[in-house]
Amino acid sequence: MKIVNLLFITLFLTSILINITNALPPPSPPSAFCKKKCGSRCALKGPGSRCEGYCLMCCSKCNCVPSGTYGNLDECPCYRDMKSPKTGRSKCP
């Protein structure tokens, strides 16, 4: 009887977890604006670098990317101020 109860509770909790994860909206794809700006920002890093992934993440939150391939962070304070909680370094290239 205890095994049946344990099995029922496990199935119940699993079904709740599945319903919660299905209710979350899928992440939206990066906008054309962000793809273009991050492509320019990370042009010197080469294809497949992490630069573009981090840049797209920052652009989607801030809606801006500084011009050029390095520096100019004052053009976009949100982009400049995103810091890694672990290291305190900038998240955005």
Protein backbone atom coordinates (compact mmCIF):
# COMPACT_ATOMS: atom_id res chain seq x y z
CA MET A 1 0.00 0.00 0.00
CA LYS A 2 2.88 2.41 0.80
CA ILE A 3 4.45 1.70 -2.59
CA VAL A 4 1.19 2.54 -4.37
CA ASN A 5 0.91 5.83 -2.46
CA LEU A 6 4.53 6.69 -3.22
CA LEU A 7 4.00 5.91 -6.90
CA PHE A 8 0.85 8.05 -7.01
CA ILE A 9 2.62 11.01 -5.37
CA THR A 10 5.56 10.69 -7.77
CA LEU A 11 3.28 10.65 -10.81
CA PHE A 12 1.30 13.60 -9.47
CA LEU A 13 4.41 15.72 -8.87
CA THR A 14 5.82 14.79 -12.27
CA SER A 15 2.61 15.86 -14.01
CA ILE A 16 2.69 19.21 -12.18
CA LEU A 17 6.30 19.76 -13.24
CA ILE A 18 5.48 18.97 -16.87
CA ASN A 19 2.54 21.40 -16.83
CA ILE A 20 4.71 24.17 -15.39
CA THR A 21 7.47 23.74 -17.97
CA ASN A 22 4.96 23.66 -20.84
CA ALA A 23 3.39 26.90 -19.62
CA LEU A 24 6.62 28.89 -20.01
CA PRO A 25 6.85 30.81 -23.28
CA PRO A 26 9.69 29.82 -25.62
CA PRO A 27 12.55 32.32 -25.88
CA SER A 28 12.07 34.80 -28.68
CA PRO A 29 14.57 34.75 -31.54
CA PRO A 30 16.96 37.70 -31.73
CA SER A 31 15.71 40.65 -33.74
CA ALA A 32 17.17 41.61 -37.11
CA PHE A 33 18.47 44.80 -35.49
CA CYS A 34 20.43 42.84 -32.88
CA LYS A 35 21.79 40.35 -35.43
CA LYS A 36 23.08 43.16 -37.63
CA LYS A 37 24.59 45.22 -34.81
CA CYS A 38 26.18 42.21 -33.10
CA GLY A 39 27.53 40.97 -36.42
CA SER A 40 29.35 44.28 -36.77
CA ARG A 41 30.42 44.39 -33.12
CA CYS A 42 31.92 40.89 -33.25
CA ALA A 43 33.26 41.02 -36.82
CA LEU A 44 36.89 40.67 -35.72
CA LYS A 45 36.21 37.68 -33.46
CA GLY A 46 35.40 35.32 -36.32
CA PRO A 47 32.42 33.06 -36.94
CA GLY A 48 31.27 30.79 -34.11
CA SER A 49 32.83 32.87 -31.36
CA ARG A 50 31.07 33.46 -28.06
CA CYS A 51 31.12 37.20 -28.73
CA GLU A 52 28.02 37.15 -30.88
CA GLY A 53 26.04 35.01 -28.42
CA TYR A 54 26.79 37.32 -25.51
CA CYS A 55 26.17 40.38 -27.66
CA LEU A 56 22.76 39.06 -28.76
CA MET A 57 21.84 38.37 -25.13
CA CYS A 58 22.80 41.90 -24.10
CA CYS A 59 21.13 43.51 -27.12
CA SER A 60 17.86 41.70 -26.49
CA LYS A 61 17.78 43.09 -22.94
CA CYS A 62 19.09 46.59 -23.72
CA ASN A 63 17.87 47.18 -27.28
CA CYS A 64 21.18 48.78 -28.18
CA VAL A 65 24.74 47.83 -29.10
CA PRO A 66 27.68 50.27 -29.06
CA SER A 67 29.18 51.07 -32.44
CA GLY A 68 32.52 49.67 -33.55
CA THR A 69 34.24 46.45 -32.59
CA TYR A 70 35.56 47.65 -29.22
CA GLY A 71 34.86 50.40 -26.72
CA ASN A 72 32.21 53.12 -27.17
CA LEU A 73 30.29 51.63 -24.22
CA ASP A 74 29.00 55.06 -23.17
CA GLU A 75 26.68 54.94 -26.18
CA CYS A 76 24.66 52.25 -24.42
CA PRO A 77 24.70 52.46 -20.59
CA CYS A 78 22.51 49.35 -20.13
CA TYR A 79 24.94 47.31 -22.26
CA ARG A 80 27.90 48.79 -20.37
CA ASP A 81 26.46 48.14 -16.90
CA MET A 82 25.53 44.45 -17.31
CA LYS A 83 28.01 42.66 -15.06
CA SER A 84 28.65 39.02 -14.29
CA PRO A 85 27.61 38.28 -10.68
CA LYS A 86 30.55 35.88 -10.33
CA THR A 87 33.43 38.01 -11.57
CA GLY A 88 32.02 41.52 -11.68
CA ARG A 89 33.30 41.83 -15.25
CA SER A 90 31.15 43.04 -18.11
CA LYS A 91 28.88 40.42 -19.66
CA CYS A 92 28.67 42.27 -22.95
CA PRO A 93 31.52 42.38 -25.51
